[in-house]
Amino acid sequence: MTMATADKQVFSLLALLATDLPGCGTADKVAALERALGEFCRRSRCWRESLTVAMEDGATAAVLAWPCGAYASSVTLVAIDGVSVAGHCCTRLVPSRSLDGAQVLEFTHAPVSGGAWTLTLVGTLQPRRGEIDVPDWMFDRYGDAIADGAKALLKLHARKPYSDPGGAVECKRAFERGIADAACDGAQRERGIA
């Protein structure tokens, strides 16, 4: 998967905000973009990735290293040793519990005994708080909608040169349309992943 640098993405998204928000500081714009991107990913569920983890004999937890330093808001167990599974013994997804900040998937007991095994799962991802780093395809396809979400948040600020409640409503509608489109696209992609 090709990833754009976070700096390039932030710069491009800020450019989408510049003309609509005169007098708005860069820090406020970046914070609004982070919030809009998190909400976009969480609600649309469009960023889904498959991950295979090599496990040792008797292991009851898997450290999940998602692309772009992202974290999973939900995980679906797909296969153990290449065999499809449903509703297995996963107990919970533990956010940021390993030393490097990765997520950990815990099991009530080891699903396989007698040797090493592989775990394949699909996660619905979103950037970590304070991050703007997503796959290029997502940025290219939904960047305008994410920018509209940030504009909607910022235009609701009271007594600012860029305050515009009516404009915020229009931007929120565009953001919601983008989420709906991404959710539909994500559902179609999910059939190809799992």
C-alpha atoms as a PDB file:
ATOM      1  CA  MET A   1       0.000   0.000   0.000  1.00  0.00           C
ATOM      2  CA  THR A   2       1.337   3.415  -0.898  1.00  0.00           C
ATOM      3  CA  MET A   3       1.215   5.986   1.884  1.00  0.00           C
ATOM      4  CA  ALA A   4       1.524   9.718   1.513  1.00  0.00           C
ATOM      5  CA  THR A   5       3.559  11.458   4.137  1.00  0.00           C
ATOM      6  CA  ALA A   6       1.499  12.997   6.916  1.00  0.00           C
ATOM      7  CA  ASP A   7       3.072  16.401   6.147  1.00  0.00           C
ATOM      8  CA  LYS A   8       1.955  16.249   2.521  1.00  0.00           C
ATOM      9  CA  GLN A   9      -1.570  15.283   3.586  1.00  0.00           C
ATOM     10  CA  VAL A  10      -1.789  18.051   6.186  1.00  0.00           C
ATOM     11  CA  PHE A  11      -0.482  20.635   3.712  1.00  0.00           C
ATOM     12  CA  SER A  12      -2.995  19.579   1.048  1.00  0.00           C
ATOM     13  CA  LEU A  13      -5.911  19.535   3.486  1.00  0.00           C
ATOM     14  CA  LEU A  14      -4.924  22.942   4.889  1.00  0.00           C
ATOM     15  CA  ALA A  15      -4.958  24.299   1.342  1.00  0.00           C
ATOM     16  CA  LEU A  16      -8.584  23.134   1.019  1.00  0.00           C
ATOM     17  CA  LEU A  17      -9.448  25.118   4.161  1.00  0.00           C
ATOM     18  CA  ALA A  18      -7.478  28.293   3.456  1.00  0.00           C
ATOM     19  CA  THR A  19      -9.943  30.258   1.314  1.00  0.00           C
ATOM     20  CA  ASP A  20     -13.032  29.472   3.426  1.00  0.00           C
ATOM     21  CA  LEU A  21     -11.557  30.330   6.815  1.00  0.00           C
ATOM     22  CA  PRO A  22      -9.900  33.780   6.779  1.00  0.00           C
ATOM     23  CA  GLY A  23      -8.136  34.526  10.045  1.00  0.00           C
ATOM     24  CA  CYS A  24      -8.259  30.943  11.315  1.00  0.00           C
ATOM     25  CA  GLY A  25      -4.978  29.791  12.818  1.00  0.00           C
ATOM     26  CA  THR A  26      -3.118  26.757  11.533  1.00  0.00           C
ATOM     27  CA  ALA A  27      -3.273  24.991  14.911  1.00  0.00           C
ATOM     28  CA  ASP A  28      -7.081  25.301  14.962  1.00  0.00           C
ATOM     29  CA  LYS A  29      -7.292  24.005  11.387  1.00  0.00           C
ATOM     30  CA  VAL A  30      -5.057  21.017  12.126  1.00  0.00           C
ATOM     31  CA  ALA A  31      -7.044  20.157  15.279  1.00  0.00           C
ATOM     32  CA  ALA A  32     -10.308  20.321  13.314  1.00  0.00           C
ATOM     33  CA  LEU A  33      -8.836  18.136  10.555  1.00  0.00           C
ATOM     34  CA  GLU A  34      -7.762  15.537  13.134  1.00  0.00           C
ATOM     35  CA  ARG A  35     -11.265  15.472  14.631  1.00  0.00           C
ATOM     36  CA  ALA A  36     -12.965  15.298  11.233  1.00  0.00           C
ATOM     37  CA  LEU A  37     -10.645  12.535  10.016  1.00  0.00           C
ATOM     38  CA  GLY A  38     -11.211  10.471  13.163  1.00  0.00           C
ATOM     39  CA  GLU A  39     -14.982  10.830  12.880  1.00  0.00           C
ATOM     40  CA  PHE A  40     -14.871  10.079   9.159  1.00  0.00           C
ATOM     41  CA  CYS A  41     -12.942   6.843   9.661  1.00  0.00           C
ATOM     42  CA  ARG A  42     -14.966   5.726  12.671  1.00  0.00           C
ATOM     43  CA  ARG A  43     -18.364   6.314  11.075  1.00  0.00           C
ATOM     44  CA  SER A  44     -17.645   5.269   7.488  1.00  0.00           C
ATOM     45  CA  ARG A  45     -15.609   2.159   8.371  1.00  0.00           C
ATOM     46  CA  CYS A  46     -13.986   2.571   4.936  1.00  0.00           C
ATOM     47  CA  TRP A  47     -10.378   2.014   6.037  1.00  0.00           C
ATOM     48  CA  ARG A  48     -10.152  -1.722   6.512  1.00  0.00           C
ATOM     49  CA  GLU A  49      -6.963  -3.724   6.365  1.00  0.00           C
ATOM     50  CA  SER A  50      -6.143  -7.406   6.571  1.00  0.00           C
ATOM     51  CA  LEU A  51      -3.345  -8.388   8.960  1.00  0.00           C
ATOM     52  CA  THR A  52      -1.633 -11.747   9.455  1.00  0.00           C
ATOM     53  CA  VAL A  53       0.267 -12.325  12.697  1.00  0.00           C
ATOM     54  CA  ALA A  54       2.642 -15.236  13.388  1.00  0.00           C
ATOM     55  CA  MET A  55       1.890 -16.677  16.825  1.00  0.00           C
ATOM     56  CA  GLU A  56       3.947 -18.933  19.091  1.00  0.00           C
ATOM     57  CA  ASP A  57       2.652 -22.135  20.652  1.00  0.00           C
ATOM     58  CA  GLY A  58       0.302 -21.397  23.546  1.00  0.00           C
ATOM     59  CA  ALA A  59       0.057 -17.652  22.830  1.00  0.00           C
ATOM     60  CA  THR A  60      -3.082 -15.967  24.186  1.00  0.00           C
ATOM     61  CA  ALA A  61      -2.411 -12.434  22.906  1.00  0.00           C
ATOM     62  CA  ALA A  62      -1.413 -10.947  19.570  1.00  0.00           C
ATOM     63  CA  VAL A  63       0.299  -7.586  19.084  1.00  0.00           C
ATOM     64  CA  LEU A  64      -1.301  -5.821  16.110  1.00  0.00           C
ATOM     65  CA  ALA A  65       0.915  -3.553  14.010  1.00  0.00           C
ATOM     66  CA  TRP A  66      -1.405  -1.690  11.636  1.00  0.00           C
ATOM     67  CA  PRO A  67      -0.159   0.487   8.743  1.00  0.00           C
ATOM     68  CA  CYS A  68       0.437   4.224   9.247  1.00  0.00           C
ATOM     69  CA  GLY A  69       0.580   3.724  13.012  1.00  0.00           C
ATOM     70  CA  ALA A  70      -3.218   3.504  12.971  1.00  0.00           C
ATOM     71  CA  TYR A  71      -5.337   1.644  15.484  1.00  0.00           C
ATOM     72  CA  ALA A  72      -8.371  -0.563  14.974  1.00  0.00           C
ATOM     73  CA  SER A  73     -11.745   0.521  16.276  1.00  0.00           C
ATOM     74  CA  SER A  74     -12.973  -3.021  15.593  1.00  0.00           C
ATOM     75  CA  VAL A  75     -11.433  -6.322  14.542  1.00  0.00           C
ATOM     76  CA  THR A  76     -12.931  -9.374  12.857  1.00  0.00           C
ATOM     77  CA  LEU A  77     -11.141 -12.713  13.233  1.00  0.00           C
ATOM     78  CA  VAL A  78     -10.974 -14.246   9.765  1.00  0.00           C
ATOM     79  CA  ALA A  79      -8.721 -17.305   9.911  1.00  0.00           C
ATOM     80  CA  ILE A  80      -6.447 -19.372  12.114  1.00  0.00           C
ATOM     81  CA  ASP A  81      -3.759 -21.266  10.205  1.00  0.00           C
ATOM     82  CA  GLY A  82      -5.596 -20.413   7.000  1.00  0.00           C
ATOM     83  CA  VAL A  83      -8.844 -22.030   8.155  1.00  0.00           C
ATOM     84  CA  SER A  84     -11.836 -19.692   8.195  1.00  0.00           C
ATOM     85  CA  VAL A  85     -13.325 -19.114  11.641  1.00  0.00           C
ATOM     86  CA  ALA A  86     -16.375 -17.358  13.023  1.00  0.00           C
ATOM     87  CA  GLY A  87     -17.101 -16.248  16.570  1.00  0.00           C
ATOM     88  CA  HIS A  88     -13.944 -17.722  18.053  1.00  0.00           C
ATOM     89  CA  CYS A  89     -12.514 -17.137  21.506  1.00  0.00           C
ATOM     90  CA  CYS A  90     -11.380 -13.505  21.108  1.00  0.00           C
ATOM     91  CA  THR A  91     -12.218 -11.683  24.271  1.00  0.00           C
ATOM     92  CA  ARG A  92     -11.200  -8.098  23.665  1.00  0.00           C
ATOM     93  CA  LEU A  93      -9.130  -5.624  21.768  1.00  0.00           C
ATOM     94  CA  VAL A  94      -6.831  -3.738  24.137  1.00  0.00           C
ATOM     95  CA  PRO A  95      -5.712  -0.340  22.813  1.00  0.00           C
ATOM     96  CA  SER A  96      -2.097   0.718  23.149  1.00  0.00           C
ATOM     97  CA  ARG A  97      -1.000  -1.829  25.705  1.00  0.00           C
ATOM     98  CA  SER A  98       2.310  -2.990  24.246  1.00  0.00           C
ATOM     99  CA  LEU A  99       5.584  -1.150  24.816  1.00  0.00           C
ATOM    100  CA  ASP A 100       5.586   0.364  21.322  1.00  0.00           C
ATOM    101  CA  GLY A 101       1.978   1.604  21.536  1.00  0.00           C
ATOM    102  CA  ALA A 102       0.509  -1.147  19.344  1.00  0.00           C
ATOM    103  CA  GLN A 103      -2.831  -2.733  20.090  1.00  0.00           C
ATOM    104  CA  VAL A 104      -3.140  -6.173  21.618  1.00  0.00           C
ATOM    105  CA  LEU A 105      -5.830  -8.754  20.829  1.00  0.00           C
ATOM    106  CA  GLU A 106      -6.392 -11.057  23.803  1.00  0.00           C
ATOM    107  CA  PHE A 107      -7.880 -14.565  23.810  1.00  0.00           C
ATOM    108  CA  THR A 108      -9.548 -16.471  26.653  1.00  0.00           C
ATOM    109  CA  HIS A 109      -7.274 -19.405  25.768  1.00  0.00           C
ATOM    110  CA  ALA A 110      -4.831 -20.331  23.029  1.00  0.00           C
ATOM    111  CA  PRO A 111      -6.892 -21.180  19.919  1.00  0.00           C
ATOM    112  CA  VAL A 112      -4.223 -23.640  18.720  1.00  0.00           C
ATOM    113  CA  SER A 113      -1.922 -25.881  20.728  1.00  0.00           C
ATOM    114  CA  GLY A 114       1.004 -28.036  19.714  1.00  0.00           C
ATOM    115  CA  GLY A 115       2.981 -25.559  17.638  1.00  0.00           C
ATOM    116  CA  ALA A 116       3.220 -22.142  16.072  1.00  0.00           C
ATOM    117  CA  TRP A 117       0.213 -20.786  14.179  1.00  0.00           C
ATOM    118  CA  THR A 118      -0.946 -17.775  12.181  1.00  0.00           C
ATOM    119  CA  LEU A 119      -3.805 -15.440  12.912  1.00  0.00           C
ATOM    120  CA  THR A 120      -5.488 -13.502  10.096  1.00  0.00           C
ATOM    121  CA  LEU A 121      -7.897 -10.704  10.878  1.00  0.00           C
ATOM    122  CA  VAL A 122      -9.458  -7.603   9.385  1.00  0.00           C
ATOM    123  CA  GLY A 123      -9.504  -4.322  11.264  1.00  0.00           C
ATOM    124  CA  THR A 124     -11.494  -1.153  10.796  1.00  0.00           C
ATOM    125  CA  LEU A 125      -8.813   1.497  11.202  1.00  0.00           C
ATOM    126  CA  GLN A 126      -8.488   5.143  12.089  1.00  0.00           C
ATOM    127  CA  PRO A 127      -5.489   7.360  12.778  1.00  0.00           C
ATOM    128  CA  ARG A 128      -4.271   7.722  16.324  1.00  0.00           C
ATOM    129  CA  ARG A 129      -5.335  10.869  18.138  1.00  0.00           C
ATOM    130  CA  GLY A 130      -3.184  13.780  17.040  1.00  0.00           C
ATOM    131  CA  GLU A 131      -2.257  12.091  13.751  1.00  0.00           C
ATOM    132  CA  ILE A 132      -3.217  12.757  10.160  1.00  0.00           C
ATOM    133  CA  ASP A 133      -1.795   9.839   8.240  1.00  0.00           C
ATOM    134  CA  VAL A 134      -3.974   7.662   6.034  1.00  0.00           C
ATOM    135  CA  PRO A 135      -3.466   5.593   2.880  1.00  0.00           C
ATOM    136  CA  ASP A 136      -3.132   7.588  -0.332  1.00  0.00           C
ATOM    137  CA  TRP A 137      -6.351   6.147  -1.795  1.00  0.00           C
ATOM    138  CA  MET A 138      -8.363   7.426   1.154  1.00  0.00           C
ATOM    139  CA  PHE A 139      -6.772  10.851   1.103  1.00  0.00           C
ATOM    140  CA  ASP A 140      -7.215  11.161  -2.681  1.00  0.00           C
ATOM    141  CA  ARG A 141     -10.808   9.962  -2.716  1.00  0.00           C
ATOM    142  CA  TYR A 142     -12.211  11.533   0.460  1.00  0.00           C
ATOM    143  CA  GLY A 143      -9.937  14.511   1.177  1.00  0.00           C
ATOM    144  CA  ASP A 144     -12.623  17.020   0.166  1.00  0.00           C
ATOM    145  CA  ALA A 145     -15.191  15.420   2.477  1.00  0.00           C
ATOM    146  CA  ILE A 146     -12.723  15.386   5.383  1.00  0.00           C
ATOM    147  CA  ALA A 147     -11.944  19.067   4.739  1.00  0.00           C
ATOM    148  CA  ASP A 148     -15.694  19.791   4.733  1.00  0.00           C
ATOM    149  CA  GLY A 149     -15.953  18.144   8.152  1.00  0.00           C
ATOM    150  CA  ALA A 150     -13.193  20.382   9.479  1.00  0.00           C
ATOM    151  CA  LYS A 151     -14.822  23.467   7.937  1.00  0.00           C
ATOM    152  CA  ALA A 152     -18.137  22.556   9.571  1.00  0.00           C
ATOM    153  CA  LEU A 153     -16.459  22.446  12.980  1.00  0.00           C
ATOM    154  CA  LEU A 154     -14.535  25.678  12.508  1.00  0.00           C
ATOM    155  CA  LYS A 155     -17.394  27.726  11.046  1.00  0.00           C
ATOM    156  CA  LEU A 156     -19.324  27.121  14.264  1.00  0.00           C
ATOM    157  CA  HIS A 157     -16.729  29.035  16.318  1.00  0.00           C
ATOM    158  CA  ALA A 158     -18.431  32.076  17.793  1.00  0.00           C
ATOM    159  CA  ARG A 159     -17.306  35.647  17.089  1.00  0.00           C
ATOM    160  CA  LYS A 160     -14.495  34.753  14.696  1.00  0.00           C
ATOM    161  CA  PRO A 161     -13.860  36.282  11.270  1.00  0.00           C
ATOM    162  CA  TYR A 162     -14.667  32.901   9.744  1.00  0.00           C
ATOM    163  CA  SER A 163     -17.833  32.210  11.798  1.00  0.00           C
ATOM    164  CA  ASP A 164     -20.624  31.131   9.467  1.00  0.00           C
ATOM    165  CA  PRO A 165     -23.385  28.926  10.946  1.00  0.00           C
ATOM    166  CA  GLY A 166     -25.151  28.624   7.572  1.00  0.00           C
ATOM    167  CA  GLY A 167     -21.915  27.650   5.881  1.00  0.00           C
ATOM    168  CA  ALA A 168     -21.263  25.143   8.674  1.00  0.00           C
ATOM    169  CA  VAL A 169     -24.573  23.428   7.880  1.00  0.00           C
ATOM    170  CA  GLU A 170     -23.658  23.194   4.185  1.00  0.00           C
ATOM    171  CA  CYS A 171     -20.209  21.794   5.021  1.00  0.00           C
ATOM    172  CA  LYS A 172     -21.733  19.305   7.468  1.00  0.00           C
ATOM    173  CA  ARG A 173     -24.078  18.046   4.732  1.00  0.00           C
ATOM    174  CA  ALA A 174     -21.138  17.552   2.363  1.00  0.00           C
ATOM    175  CA  PHE A 175     -19.233  15.770   5.150  1.00  0.00           C
ATOM    176  CA  GLU A 176     -22.199  13.458   5.813  1.00  0.00           C
ATOM    177  CA  ARG A 177     -22.496  12.681   2.080  1.00  0.00           C
ATOM    178  CA  GLY A 178     -18.794  11.837   2.011  1.00  0.00           C
ATOM    179  CA  ILE A 179     -19.192   9.509   5.015  1.00  0.00           C
ATOM    180  CA  ALA A 180     -22.153   7.779   3.338  1.00  0.00           C
ATOM    181  CA  ASP A 181     -20.221   7.353   0.075  1.00  0.00           C
ATOM    182  CA  ALA A 182     -17.185   6.010   1.927  1.00  0.00           C
ATOM    183  CA  ALA A 183     -19.339   3.607   3.959  1.00  0.00           C
ATOM    184  CA  CYS A 184     -20.816   2.207   0.755  1.00  0.00           C
ATOM    185  CA  ASP A 185     -17.382   1.925  -0.859  1.00  0.00           C
ATOM    186  CA  GLY A 186     -15.993   0.326   2.317  1.00  0.00           C
ATOM    187  CA  ALA A 187     -18.743  -2.299   2.387  1.00  0.00           C
ATOM    188  CA  GLN A 188     -17.964  -3.199  -1.215  1.00  0.00           C
ATOM    189  CA  ARG A 189     -14.212  -3.406  -0.480  1.00  0.00           C
ATOM    190  CA  GLU A 190     -14.858  -5.502   2.641  1.00  0.00           C
ATOM    191  CA  ARG A 191     -16.305  -8.279   0.531  1.00  0.00           C
ATOM    192  CA  GLY A 192     -12.984  -8.396  -1.311  1.00  0.00           C
ATOM    193  CA  ILE A 193     -10.836  -8.389   1.869  1.00  0.00           C
ATOM    194  CA  ALA A 194     -12.584 -11.045   3.951  1.00  0.00           C
END
